[in-house]
Amino acid sequence: MKISRRTRWTWAACGLLSSLLVSAVGCQSDINGQTLPSAYYRYDDVQYFPPGTEFPLRAEAASIRAAKADMQQQQGQ
């Protein structure tokens, strides 16, 4: 099967046009609850969350350890 030059150029132009269209559309991503790119991403307020403790249930873990130590002490008597 022989493909004419005009058909090749047509397919090449369609490929080029579709790649330009895809690159012009862009993409959206959801970063920290904000959809980017949006029209207002440069003007949105910055939300700062200060670093906290690495383990959020420190008090609960300490009370569980204390309860286990109490039980072991009572069983050892």
C-alpha atoms as a PDB file:
ATOM      1  CA  MET A   1       0.000   0.000   0.000  1.00  0.00           C
ATOM      2  CA  LYS A   2       1.429   3.313  -1.074  1.00  0.00           C
ATOM      3  CA  ILE A   3       0.718   6.457   0.949  1.00  0.00           C
ATOM      4  CA  SER A   4       0.756   9.731  -0.924  1.00  0.00           C
ATOM      5  CA  ARG A   5       2.796  12.697   0.202  1.00  0.00           C
ATOM      6  CA  ARG A   6      -0.311  14.708   0.863  1.00  0.00           C
ATOM      7  CA  THR A   7      -1.604  12.059   3.269  1.00  0.00           C
ATOM      8  CA  ARG A   8       1.734  12.007   5.100  1.00  0.00           C
ATOM      9  CA  TRP A   9       1.753  15.783   5.443  1.00  0.00           C
ATOM     10  CA  THR A  10      -1.843  15.727   6.625  1.00  0.00           C
ATOM     11  CA  TRP A  11      -1.024  13.173   9.324  1.00  0.00           C
ATOM     12  CA  ALA A  12       2.109  15.090  10.307  1.00  0.00           C
ATOM     13  CA  ALA A  13       0.137  18.326  10.575  1.00  0.00           C
ATOM     14  CA  CYS A  14      -2.556  16.596  12.650  1.00  0.00           C
ATOM     15  CA  GLY A  15       0.106  15.171  14.966  1.00  0.00           C
ATOM     16  CA  LEU A  16       1.786  18.541  15.352  1.00  0.00           C
ATOM     17  CA  LEU A  17      -1.506  20.305  15.942  1.00  0.00           C
ATOM     18  CA  SER A  18      -2.619  17.756  18.521  1.00  0.00           C
ATOM     19  CA  SER A  19       0.702  17.954  20.390  1.00  0.00           C
ATOM     20  CA  LEU A  20       0.473  21.759  20.435  1.00  0.00           C
ATOM     21  CA  LEU A  21      -3.087  21.547  21.690  1.00  0.00           C
ATOM     22  CA  VAL A  22      -2.147  19.137  24.479  1.00  0.00           C
ATOM     23  CA  SER A  23       0.785  21.302  25.576  1.00  0.00           C
ATOM     24  CA  ALA A  24      -1.361  24.447  25.608  1.00  0.00           C
ATOM     25  CA  VAL A  25      -4.119  22.948  27.738  1.00  0.00           C
ATOM     26  CA  GLY A  26      -1.970  22.259  30.791  1.00  0.00           C
ATOM     27  CA  CYS A  27      -2.867  20.102  33.724  1.00  0.00           C
ATOM     28  CA  GLN A  28      -4.262  20.549  37.189  1.00  0.00           C
ATOM     29  CA  SER A  29      -2.922  19.049  40.367  1.00  0.00           C
ATOM     30  CA  ASP A  30      -4.212  19.096  43.910  1.00  0.00           C
ATOM     31  CA  ILE A  31      -1.490  20.309  46.272  1.00  0.00           C
ATOM     32  CA  ASN A  32      -2.279  20.885  49.957  1.00  0.00           C
ATOM     33  CA  GLY A  33      -5.986  21.145  49.265  1.00  0.00           C
ATOM     34  CA  GLN A  34      -5.519  23.756  46.558  1.00  0.00           C
ATOM     35  CA  THR A  35      -6.105  23.025  42.886  1.00  0.00           C
ATOM     36  CA  LEU A  36      -3.168  24.312  40.844  1.00  0.00           C
ATOM     37  CA  PRO A  37      -2.920  26.000  38.420  1.00  0.00           C
ATOM     38  CA  SER A  38      -5.798  28.226  39.333  1.00  0.00           C
ATOM     39  CA  ALA A  39      -6.366  31.860  38.523  1.00  0.00           C
ATOM     40  CA  TYR A  40      -5.683  32.943  42.119  1.00  0.00           C
ATOM     41  CA  TYR A  41      -2.911  30.635  43.319  1.00  0.00           C
ATOM     42  CA  ARG A  42      -0.463  33.527  43.663  1.00  0.00           C
ATOM     43  CA  TYR A  43      -2.877  35.574  45.749  1.00  0.00           C
ATOM     44  CA  ASP A  44      -4.125  32.836  48.063  1.00  0.00           C
ATOM     45  CA  ASP A  45      -3.274  33.124  51.750  1.00  0.00           C
ATOM     46  CA  VAL A  46      -0.420  30.995  52.962  1.00  0.00           C
ATOM     47  CA  GLN A  47      -1.373  28.424  55.534  1.00  0.00           C
ATOM     48  CA  TYR A  48       1.476  27.677  57.889  1.00  0.00           C
ATOM     49  CA  PHE A  49       1.362  24.681  60.155  1.00  0.00           C
ATOM     50  CA  PRO A  50       4.235  24.773  62.648  1.00  0.00           C
ATOM     51  CA  PRO A  51       6.049  21.499  63.148  1.00  0.00           C
ATOM     52  CA  GLY A  52       4.605  19.551  66.026  1.00  0.00           C
ATOM     53  CA  THR A  53       5.657  16.499  67.925  1.00  0.00           C
ATOM     54  CA  GLU A  54       6.645  13.537  65.865  1.00  0.00           C
ATOM     55  CA  PHE A  55       4.310  11.198  67.747  1.00  0.00           C
ATOM     56  CA  PRO A  56       0.930  12.859  68.369  1.00  0.00           C
ATOM     57  CA  LEU A  57      -0.262  10.372  71.019  1.00  0.00           C
ATOM     58  CA  ARG A  58       2.635  10.827  73.432  1.00  0.00           C
ATOM     59  CA  ALA A  59       0.455  11.267  76.552  1.00  0.00           C
ATOM     60  CA  GLU A  60      -1.652   8.211  75.720  1.00  0.00           C
ATOM     61  CA  ALA A  61       1.436   6.069  75.127  1.00  0.00           C
ATOM     62  CA  ALA A  62       2.923   7.212  78.450  1.00  0.00           C
ATOM     63  CA  SER A  63      -0.280   6.354  80.332  1.00  0.00           C
ATOM     64  CA  ILE A  64      -0.400   2.900  78.701  1.00  0.00           C
ATOM     65  CA  ARG A  65       3.225   2.275  79.710  1.00  0.00           C
ATOM     66  CA  ALA A  66       2.446   3.400  83.259  1.00  0.00           C
ATOM     67  CA  ALA A  67      -0.590   1.098  83.419  1.00  0.00           C
ATOM     68  CA  LYS A  68       1.490  -1.847  82.163  1.00  0.00           C
ATOM     69  CA  ALA A  69       4.174  -1.116  84.746  1.00  0.00           C
ATOM     70  CA  ASP A  70       1.470  -0.954  87.458  1.00  0.00           C
ATOM     71  CA  MET A  71       0.056  -4.329  86.391  1.00  0.00           C
ATOM     72  CA  GLN A  72       3.503  -5.930  86.329  1.00  0.00           C
ATOM     73  CA  GLN A  73       4.265  -4.522  89.771  1.00  0.00           C
ATOM     74  CA  GLN A  74       0.964  -5.839  91.177  1.00  0.00           C
ATOM     75  CA  GLN A  75       1.498  -9.277  89.654  1.00  0.00           C
ATOM     76  CA  GLY A  76       5.045  -9.443  90.990  1.00  0.00           C
ATOM     77  CA  GLN A  77       3.948  -9.041  94.643  1.00  0.00           C
END
